[in-house]
PDB file of N, CA and C in Angstrom:
ATOM      1  N   MET A   1       0.848  -1.173   0.000  1.00  0.00           N
ATOM      2  CA  MET A   1       0.000   0.000   0.000  1.00  0.00           C
ATOM      3  C   MET A   1       0.893   1.235   0.000  1.00  0.00           C
ATOM      4  N   ASP A   2       0.502   2.229  -0.788  1.00  0.00           N
ATOM      5  CA  ASP A   2       1.205   3.508  -0.841  1.00  0.00           C
ATOM      6  C   ASP A   2       0.404   4.548  -0.081  1.00  0.00           C
ATOM      7  N   THR A   3       1.112   5.420   0.632  1.00  0.00           N
ATOM      8  CA  THR A   3       0.468   6.541   1.313  1.00  0.00           C
ATOM      9  C   THR A   3       0.947   7.827   0.678  1.00  0.00           C
ATOM     10  N   ILE A   4       0.012   8.593   0.151  1.00  0.00           N
ATOM     11  CA  ILE A   4       0.317   9.900  -0.440  1.00  0.00           C
ATOM     12  C   ILE A   4       0.192  10.933   0.670  1.00  0.00           C
ATOM     13  N   GLN A   5       1.244  11.703   0.883  1.00  0.00           N
ATOM     14  CA  GLN A   5       1.201  12.811   1.827  1.00  0.00           C
ATOM     15  C   GLN A   5       1.276  14.093   1.015  1.00  0.00           C
ATOM     16  N   TYR A   6       0.331  14.990   1.242  1.00  0.00           N
ATOM     17  CA  TYR A   6       0.204  16.175   0.401  1.00  0.00           C
ATOM     18  C   TYR A   6      -0.135  17.384   1.260  1.00  0.00           C
ATOM     19  N   THR A   7       0.533  18.490   0.990  1.00  0.00           N
ATOM     20  CA  THR A   7       0.228  19.758   1.646  1.00  0.00           C
ATOM     21  C   THR A   7      -0.602  20.592   0.682  1.00  0.00           C
ATOM     22  N   PRO A   8      -1.888  20.765   0.971  1.00  0.00           N
ATOM     23  CA  PRO A   8      -2.760  21.507   0.056  1.00  0.00           C
ATOM     24  C   PRO A   8      -2.444  22.998   0.047  1.00  0.00           C
ATOM     25  N   ARG A   9      -2.815  23.650  -1.049  1.00  0.00           N
ATOM     26  CA  ARG A   9      -2.595  25.091  -1.212  1.00  0.00           C
ATOM     27  C   ARG A   9      -3.928  25.782  -1.464  1.00  0.00           C
ATOM     28  N   GLY A  10      -4.117  26.936  -0.821  1.00  0.00           N
ATOM     29  CA  GLY A  10      -5.290  27.754  -1.098  1.00  0.00           C
ATOM     30  C   GLY A  10      -6.572  27.315  -0.428  1.00  0.00           C
ATOM     31  N   VAL A  11      -6.481  26.413   0.544  1.00  0.00           N
ATOM     32  CA  VAL A  11      -7.665  25.932   1.254  1.00  0.00           C
ATOM     33  C   VAL A  11      -7.409  25.940   2.759  1.00  0.00           C
ATOM     34  N   CYS A  12      -8.435  25.648   3.534  1.00  0.00           N
ATOM     35  CA  CYS A  12      -8.326  25.665   4.997  1.00  0.00           C
ATOM     36  C   CYS A  12      -7.588  24.448   5.550  1.00  0.00           C
ATOM     37  N   SER A  13      -7.672  23.314   4.868  1.00  0.00           N
ATOM     38  CA  SER A  13      -7.012  22.113   5.373  1.00  0.00           C
ATOM     39  C   SER A  13      -5.498  22.268   5.288  1.00  0.00           C
ATOM     40  N   LYS A  14      -4.803  21.595   6.194  1.00  0.00           N
ATOM     41  CA  LYS A  14      -3.351  21.759   6.320  1.00  0.00           C
ATOM     42  C   LYS A  14      -2.542  20.586   5.796  1.00  0.00           C
ATOM     43  N   GLN A  15      -3.091  19.386   5.853  1.00  0.00           N
ATOM     44  CA  GLN A  15      -2.363  18.196   5.424  1.00  0.00           C
ATOM     45  C   GLN A  15      -3.350  17.136   4.980  1.00  0.00           C
ATOM     46  N   MET A  16      -2.972  16.378   3.945  1.00  0.00           N
ATOM     47  CA  MET A  16      -3.806  15.294   3.443  1.00  0.00           C
ATOM     48  C   MET A  16      -2.965  14.035   3.322  1.00  0.00           C
ATOM     49  N   GLU A  17      -3.545  12.914   3.729  1.00  0.00           N
ATOM     50  CA  GLU A  17      -2.914  11.608   3.565  1.00  0.00           C
ATOM     51  C   GLU A  17      -3.925  10.675   2.923  1.00  0.00           C
ATOM     52  N   ILE A  18      -3.495  10.004   1.870  1.00  0.00           N
ATOM     53  CA  ILE A  18      -4.386   9.116   1.131  1.00  0.00           C
ATOM     54  C   ILE A  18      -3.679   7.777   0.969  1.00  0.00           C
ATOM     55  N   ASP A  19      -4.322   6.695   1.428  1.00  0.00           N
ATOM     56  CA  ASP A  19      -3.789   5.351   1.251  1.00  0.00           C
ATOM     57  C   ASP A  19      -4.381   4.772  -0.025  1.00  0.00           C
ATOM     58  N   VAL A  20      -3.498   4.290  -0.915  1.00  0.00           N
ATOM     59  CA  VAL A  20      -3.919   3.735  -2.199  1.00  0.00           C
ATOM     60  C   VAL A  20      -3.278   2.364  -2.376  1.00  0.00           C
ATOM     61  N   GLU A  21      -4.090   1.403  -2.805  1.00  0.00           N
ATOM     62  CA  GLU A  21      -3.580   0.069  -3.088  1.00  0.00           C
ATOM     63  C   GLU A  21      -4.160  -0.401  -4.418  1.00  0.00           C
ATOM     64  N   ASP A  22      -3.278  -0.749  -5.335  1.00  0.00           N
ATOM     65  CA  ASP A  22      -3.687  -1.237  -6.658  1.00  0.00           C
ATOM     66  C   ASP A  22      -4.663  -0.294  -7.348  1.00  0.00           C
ATOM     67  N   GLY A  23      -4.417   1.021  -7.242  1.00  0.00           N
ATOM     68  CA  GLY A  23      -5.241   2.013  -7.922  1.00  0.00           C
ATOM     69  C   GLY A  23      -6.572   2.309  -7.261  1.00  0.00           C
ATOM     70  N   VAL A  24      -6.781   1.789  -6.039  1.00  0.00           N
ATOM     71  CA  VAL A  24      -8.039   1.982  -5.323  1.00  0.00           C
ATOM     72  C   VAL A  24      -7.753   2.702  -3.997  1.00  0.00           C
ATOM     73  N   ILE A  25      -8.537   3.714  -3.706  1.00  0.00           N
ATOM     74  CA  ILE A  25      -8.375   4.477  -2.468  1.00  0.00           C
ATOM     75  C   ILE A  25      -8.873   3.628  -1.296  1.00  0.00           C
ATOM     76  N   GLN A  26      -8.002   3.461  -0.299  1.00  0.00           N
ATOM     77  CA  GLN A  26      -8.327   2.666   0.883  1.00  0.00           C
ATOM     78  C   GLN A  26      -8.745   3.527   2.070  1.00  0.00           C
ATOM     79  N   ALA A  27      -8.140   4.725   2.183  1.00  0.00           N
ATOM     80  CA  ALA A  27      -8.453   5.620   3.305  1.00  0.00           C
ATOM     81  C   ALA A  27      -7.994   7.027   2.953  1.00  0.00           C
ATOM     82  N   VAL A  28      -8.688   8.016   3.510  1.00  0.00           N
ATOM     83  CA  VAL A  28      -8.339   9.428   3.331  1.00  0.00           C
ATOM     84  C   VAL A  28      -8.379  10.090   4.704  1.00  0.00           C
ATOM     85  N   ARG A  29      -7.313  10.825   5.030  1.00  0.00           N
ATOM     86  CA  ARG A  29      -7.260  11.587   6.272  1.00  0.00           C
ATOM     87  C   ARG A  29      -6.892  13.022   5.921  1.00  0.00           C
ATOM     88  N   VAL A  30      -7.678  13.968   6.445  1.00  0.00           N
ATOM     89  CA  VAL A  30      -7.427  15.383   6.185  1.00  0.00           C
ATOM     90  C   VAL A  30      -7.359  16.100   7.528  1.00  0.00           C
ATOM     91  N   MET A  31      -6.271  16.827   7.751  1.00  0.00           N
ATOM     92  CA  MET A  31      -6.111  17.599   8.973  1.00  0.00           C
ATOM     93  C   MET A  31      -6.471  19.056   8.677  1.00  0.00           C
ATOM     94  N   GLY A  32      -7.370  19.607   9.493  1.00  0.00           N
ATOM     95  CA  GLY A  32      -7.850  20.965   9.270  1.00  0.00           C
ATOM     96  C   GLY A  32      -9.026  20.948   8.307  1.00  0.00           C
ATOM     97  N   GLY A  33      -9.536  22.112   8.009  1.00  0.00           N
ATOM     98  CA  GLY A  33     -10.654  22.212   7.082  1.00  0.00           C
ATOM     99  C   GLY A  33     -11.988  21.949   7.749  1.00  0.00           C
ATOM    100  N   CYS A  34     -13.014  21.760   6.961  1.00  0.00           N
ATOM    101  CA  CYS A  34     -14.386  21.532   7.445  1.00  0.00           C
ATOM    102  C   CYS A  34     -14.535  20.062   7.824  1.00  0.00           C
ATOM    103  N   ASN A  35     -14.410  19.765   9.081  1.00  0.00           N
ATOM    104  CA  ASN A  35     -14.316  18.400   9.584  1.00  0.00           C
ATOM    105  C   ASN A  35     -15.417  17.471   9.077  1.00  0.00           C
ATOM    106  N   GLY A  36     -16.659  17.855   9.237  1.00  0.00           N
ATOM    107  CA  GLY A  36     -17.763  16.985   8.817  1.00  0.00           C
ATOM    108  C   GLY A  36     -17.778  16.730   7.324  1.00  0.00           C
ATOM    109  N   ASN A  37     -17.606  17.786   6.540  1.00  0.00           N
ATOM    110  CA  ASN A  37     -17.604  17.630   5.084  1.00  0.00           C
ATOM    111  C   ASN A  37     -16.457  16.727   4.632  1.00  0.00           C
ATOM    112  N   LEU A  38     -15.288  16.917   5.213  1.00  0.00           N
ATOM    113  CA  LEU A  38     -14.134  16.128   4.785  1.00  0.00           C
ATOM    114  C   LEU A  38     -14.243  14.671   5.230  1.00  0.00           C
ATOM    115  N   LYS A  39     -14.878  14.426   6.377  1.00  0.00           N
ATOM    116  CA  LYS A  39     -15.127  13.041   6.778  1.00  0.00           C
ATOM    117  C   LYS A  39     -16.088  12.382   5.795  1.00  0.00           C
ATOM    118  N   GLY A  40     -17.090  13.130   5.351  1.00  0.00           N
ATOM    119  CA  GLY A  40     -18.031  12.603   4.367  1.00  0.00           C
ATOM    120  C   GLY A  40     -17.347  12.293   3.043  1.00  0.00           C
ATOM    121  N   ILE A  41     -16.513  13.208   2.572  1.00  0.00           N
ATOM    122  CA  ILE A  41     -15.775  12.991   1.327  1.00  0.00           C
ATOM    123  C   ILE A  41     -14.870  11.775   1.468  1.00  0.00           C
ATOM    124  N   ALA A  42     -14.171  11.660   2.597  1.00  0.00           N
ATOM    125  CA  ALA A  42     -13.276  10.522   2.827  1.00  0.00           C
ATOM    126  C   ALA A  42     -14.048   9.211   2.776  1.00  0.00           C
ATOM    127  N   SER A  43     -15.238   9.188   3.367  1.00  0.00           N
ATOM    128  CA  SER A  43     -16.062   7.989   3.366  1.00  0.00           C
ATOM    129  C   SER A  43     -16.512   7.626   1.952  1.00  0.00           C
ATOM    130  N   LEU A  44     -16.888   8.622   1.169  1.00  0.00           N
ATOM    131  CA  LEU A  44     -17.325   8.373  -0.209  1.00  0.00           C
ATOM    132  C   LEU A  44     -16.186   7.902  -1.106  1.00  0.00           C
ATOM    133  N   LEU A  45     -14.966   8.368  -0.830  1.00  0.00           N
ATOM    134  CA  LEU A  45     -13.828   8.003  -1.667  1.00  0.00           C
ATOM    135  C   LEU A  45     -13.308   6.596  -1.397  1.00  0.00           C
ATOM    136  N   LYS A  46     -13.557   6.074  -0.200  1.00  0.00           N
ATOM    137  CA  LYS A  46     -13.053   4.745   0.150  1.00  0.00           C
ATOM    138  C   LYS A  46     -13.602   3.707  -0.820  1.00  0.00           C
ATOM    139  N   GLY A  47     -12.709   2.964  -1.446  1.00  0.00           N
ATOM    140  CA  GLY A  47     -13.087   1.935  -2.409  1.00  0.00           C
ATOM    141  C   GLY A  47     -13.186   2.430  -3.841  1.00  0.00           C
ATOM    142  N   MET A  48     -12.991   3.739  -4.053  1.00  0.00           N
ATOM    143  CA  MET A  48     -13.101   4.315  -5.397  1.00  0.00           C
ATOM    144  C   MET A  48     -11.763   4.223  -6.136  1.00  0.00           C
ATOM    145  N   GLU A  49     -11.840   3.994  -7.438  1.00  0.00           N
ATOM    146  CA  GLU A  49     -10.648   4.022  -8.283  1.00  0.00           C
ATOM    147  C   GLU A  49     -10.071   5.432  -8.291  1.00  0.00           C
ATOM    148  N   VAL A  50      -8.743   5.526  -8.251  1.00  0.00           N
ATOM    149  CA  VAL A  50      -8.059   6.822  -8.233  1.00  0.00           C
ATOM    150  C   VAL A  50      -8.492   7.686  -9.409  1.00  0.00           C
ATOM    151  N   GLU A  51      -8.523   7.136 -10.599  1.00  0.00           N
ATOM    152  CA  GLU A  51      -8.859   7.918 -11.790  1.00  0.00           C
ATOM    153  C   GLU A  51     -10.290   8.448 -11.731  1.00  0.00           C
ATOM    154  N   ASP A  52     -11.210   7.660 -11.186  1.00  0.00           N
ATOM    155  CA  ASP A  52     -12.593   8.119 -11.036  1.00  0.00           C
ATOM    156  C   ASP A  52     -12.674   9.271 -10.040  1.00  0.00           C
ATOM    157  N   ALA A  53     -11.925   9.164  -8.953  1.00  0.00           N
ATOM    158  CA  ALA A  53     -11.923  10.228  -7.942  1.00  0.00           C
ATOM    159  C   ALA A  53     -11.375  11.530  -8.520  1.00  0.00           C
ATOM    160  N   ILE A  54     -10.296  11.440  -9.285  1.00  0.00           N
ATOM    161  CA  ILE A  54      -9.726  12.643  -9.919  1.00  0.00           C
ATOM    162  C   ILE A  54     -10.761  13.278 -10.844  1.00  0.00           C
ATOM    163  N   ALA A  55     -11.386  12.458 -11.678  1.00  0.00           N
ATOM    164  CA  ALA A  55     -12.360  12.970 -12.650  1.00  0.00           C
ATOM    165  C   ALA A  55     -13.536  13.662 -11.954  1.00  0.00           C
ATOM    166  N   ARG A  56     -13.945  13.162 -10.799  1.00  0.00           N
ATOM    167  CA  ARG A  56     -15.103  13.728 -10.104  1.00  0.00           C
ATOM    168  C   ARG A  56     -14.769  14.990  -9.305  1.00  0.00           C
ATOM    169  N   MET A  57     -13.543  15.084  -8.791  1.00  0.00           N
ATOM    170  CA  MET A  57     -13.221  16.183  -7.869  1.00  0.00           C
ATOM    171  C   MET A  57     -12.413  17.324  -8.481  1.00  0.00           C
ATOM    172  N   GLU A  58     -11.639  17.044  -9.514  1.00  0.00           N
ATOM    173  CA  GLU A  58     -10.772  18.081 -10.080  1.00  0.00           C
ATOM    174  C   GLU A  58     -11.603  19.245 -10.615  1.00  0.00           C
ATOM    175  N   GLY A  59     -11.188  20.448 -10.254  1.00  0.00           N
ATOM    176  CA  GLY A  59     -11.836  21.657 -10.754  1.00  0.00           C
ATOM    177  C   GLY A  59     -12.942  22.204  -9.871  1.00  0.00           C
ATOM    178  N   ILE A  60     -13.310  21.476  -8.811  1.00  0.00           N
ATOM    179  CA  ILE A  60     -14.333  21.990  -7.893  1.00  0.00           C
ATOM    180  C   ILE A  60     -13.765  23.191  -7.150  1.00  0.00           C
ATOM    181  N   ARG A  61     -14.569  24.237  -7.044  1.00  0.00           N
ATOM    182  CA  ARG A  61     -14.145  25.462  -6.376  1.00  0.00           C
ATOM    183  C   ARG A  61     -14.889  25.634  -5.061  1.00  0.00           C
ATOM    184  N   CYS A  62     -14.289  26.390  -4.159  1.00  0.00           N
ATOM    185  CA  CYS A  62     -14.900  26.710  -2.869  1.00  0.00           C
ATOM    186  C   CYS A  62     -15.133  28.216  -2.837  1.00  0.00           C
ATOM    187  N   GLY A  63     -16.394  28.615  -2.986  1.00  0.00           N
ATOM    188  CA  GLY A  63     -16.698  30.042  -3.000  1.00  0.00           C
ATOM    189  C   GLY A  63     -15.938  30.753  -4.106  1.00  0.00           C
ATOM    190  N   MET A  64     -15.251  31.817  -3.746  1.00  0.00           N
ATOM    191  CA  MET A  64     -14.485  32.603  -4.717  1.00  0.00           C
ATOM    192  C   MET A  64     -13.068  32.076  -4.915  1.00  0.00           C
ATOM    193  N   LYS A  65     -12.685  31.047  -4.186  1.00  0.00           N
ATOM    194  CA  LYS A  65     -11.344  30.469  -4.326  1.00  0.00           C
ATOM    195  C   LYS A  65     -11.251  29.717  -5.649  1.00  0.00           C
ATOM    196  N   SER A  66     -10.054  29.633  -6.177  1.00  0.00           N
ATOM    197  CA  SER A  66      -9.852  28.917  -7.438  1.00  0.00           C
ATOM    198  C   SER A  66      -9.710  27.412  -7.228  1.00  0.00           C
ATOM    199  N   THR A  67      -9.778  26.961  -5.979  1.00  0.00           N
ATOM    200  CA  THR A  67      -9.625  25.547  -5.653  1.00  0.00           C
ATOM    201  C   THR A  67     -10.540  25.214  -4.475  1.00  0.00           C
ATOM    202  N   SER A  68     -10.475  23.981  -4.013  1.00  0.00           N
ATOM    203  CA  SER A  68     -11.257  23.516  -2.869  1.00  0.00           C
ATOM    204  C   SER A  68     -10.537  22.310  -2.284  1.00  0.00           C
ATOM    205  N   CYS A  69     -11.003  21.827  -1.151  1.00  0.00           N
ATOM    206  CA  CYS A  69     -10.411  20.607  -0.595  1.00  0.00           C
ATOM    207  C   CYS A  69     -10.585  19.408  -1.538  1.00  0.00           C
ATOM    208  N   PRO A  70     -11.772  19.208  -2.149  1.00  0.00           N
ATOM    209  CA  PRO A  70     -11.871  18.112  -3.115  1.00  0.00           C
ATOM    210  C   PRO A  70     -10.895  18.272  -4.289  1.00  0.00           C
ATOM    211  N   ASP A  71     -10.759  19.480  -4.802  1.00  0.00           N
ATOM    212  CA  ASP A  71      -9.811  19.718  -5.894  1.00  0.00           C
ATOM    213  C   ASP A  71      -8.385  19.425  -5.433  1.00  0.00           C
ATOM    214  N   GLN A  72      -8.059  19.808  -4.211  1.00  0.00           N
ATOM    215  CA  GLN A  72      -6.716  19.545  -3.700  1.00  0.00           C
ATOM    216  C   GLN A  72      -6.491  18.045  -3.485  1.00  0.00           C
ATOM    217  N   LEU A  73      -7.529  17.309  -3.101  1.00  0.00           N
ATOM    218  CA  LEU A  73      -7.402  15.849  -3.030  1.00  0.00           C
ATOM    219  C   LEU A  73      -7.107  15.272  -4.413  1.00  0.00           C
ATOM    220  N   ALA A  74      -7.773  15.808  -5.437  1.00  0.00           N
ATOM    221  CA  ALA A  74      -7.503  15.369  -6.810  1.00  0.00           C
ATOM    222  C   ALA A  74      -6.062  15.675  -7.198  1.00  0.00           C
ATOM    223  N   GLN A  75      -5.568  16.845  -6.809  1.00  0.00           N
ATOM    224  CA  GLN A  75      -4.184  17.210  -7.115  1.00  0.00           C
ATOM    225  C   GLN A  75      -3.204  16.266  -6.404  1.00  0.00           C
ATOM    226  N   ALA A  76      -3.545  15.911  -5.175  1.00  0.00           N
ATOM    227  CA  ALA A  76      -2.699  14.959  -4.422  1.00  0.00           C
ATOM    228  C   ALA A  76      -2.638  13.622  -5.149  1.00  0.00           C
ATOM    229  N   LEU A  77      -3.779  13.134  -5.597  1.00  0.00           N
ATOM    230  CA  LEU A  77      -3.814  11.870  -6.322  1.00  0.00           C
ATOM    231  C   LEU A  77      -3.045  11.953  -7.637  1.00  0.00           C
ATOM    232  N   LYS A  78      -3.178  13.076  -8.337  1.00  0.00           N
ATOM    233  CA  LYS A  78      -2.446  13.261  -9.596  1.00  0.00           C
ATOM    234  C   LYS A  78      -0.941  13.301  -9.369  1.00  0.00           C
ATOM    235  N   SER A  79      -0.514  13.884  -8.260  1.00  0.00           N
ATOM    236  CA  SER A  79       0.917  14.008  -7.987  1.00  0.00           C
ATOM    237  C   SER A  79       1.590  12.651  -7.784  1.00  0.00           C
ATOM    238  N   ALA A  80       0.797  11.657  -7.446  1.00  0.00           N
ATOM    239  CA  ALA A  80       1.347  10.332  -7.165  1.00  0.00           C
ATOM    240  C   ALA A  80       1.279   9.385  -8.363  1.00  0.00           C
ATOM    241  N   ARG A  81       0.781   9.859  -9.474  1.00  0.00           N
ATOM    242  CA  ARG A  81       0.680   8.999 -10.673  1.00  0.00           C
ATOM    243  C   ARG A  81       2.036   8.519 -11.113  1.00  0.00           C
TER     244      ARG A  81
END
C-alpha cells in the first residue's frame, strides 16, 4: 500500500494523507478544514478508483477560491501517478 502525503494550497485544510492500493483508495485523512464535510468525502472516496476520484473532484471550487479541498485531493492523487 502507498500513502500519499500532500500539503494543500489555497484551502483551509493543512495536510492530506491518502492510502492507495492497486489504484483503489483505501483511506483518506485530512487535517484541518471543514471536519464533517471532509469526513463525508473521505467515506465516499473509500473503495473508489483513483482515476474516477480525480475525474469527479478536479476543478471543484470553494466560493471565490480557485480551488477547494476536493480539488486539492484530486491534485494529491495526480501528484502520485
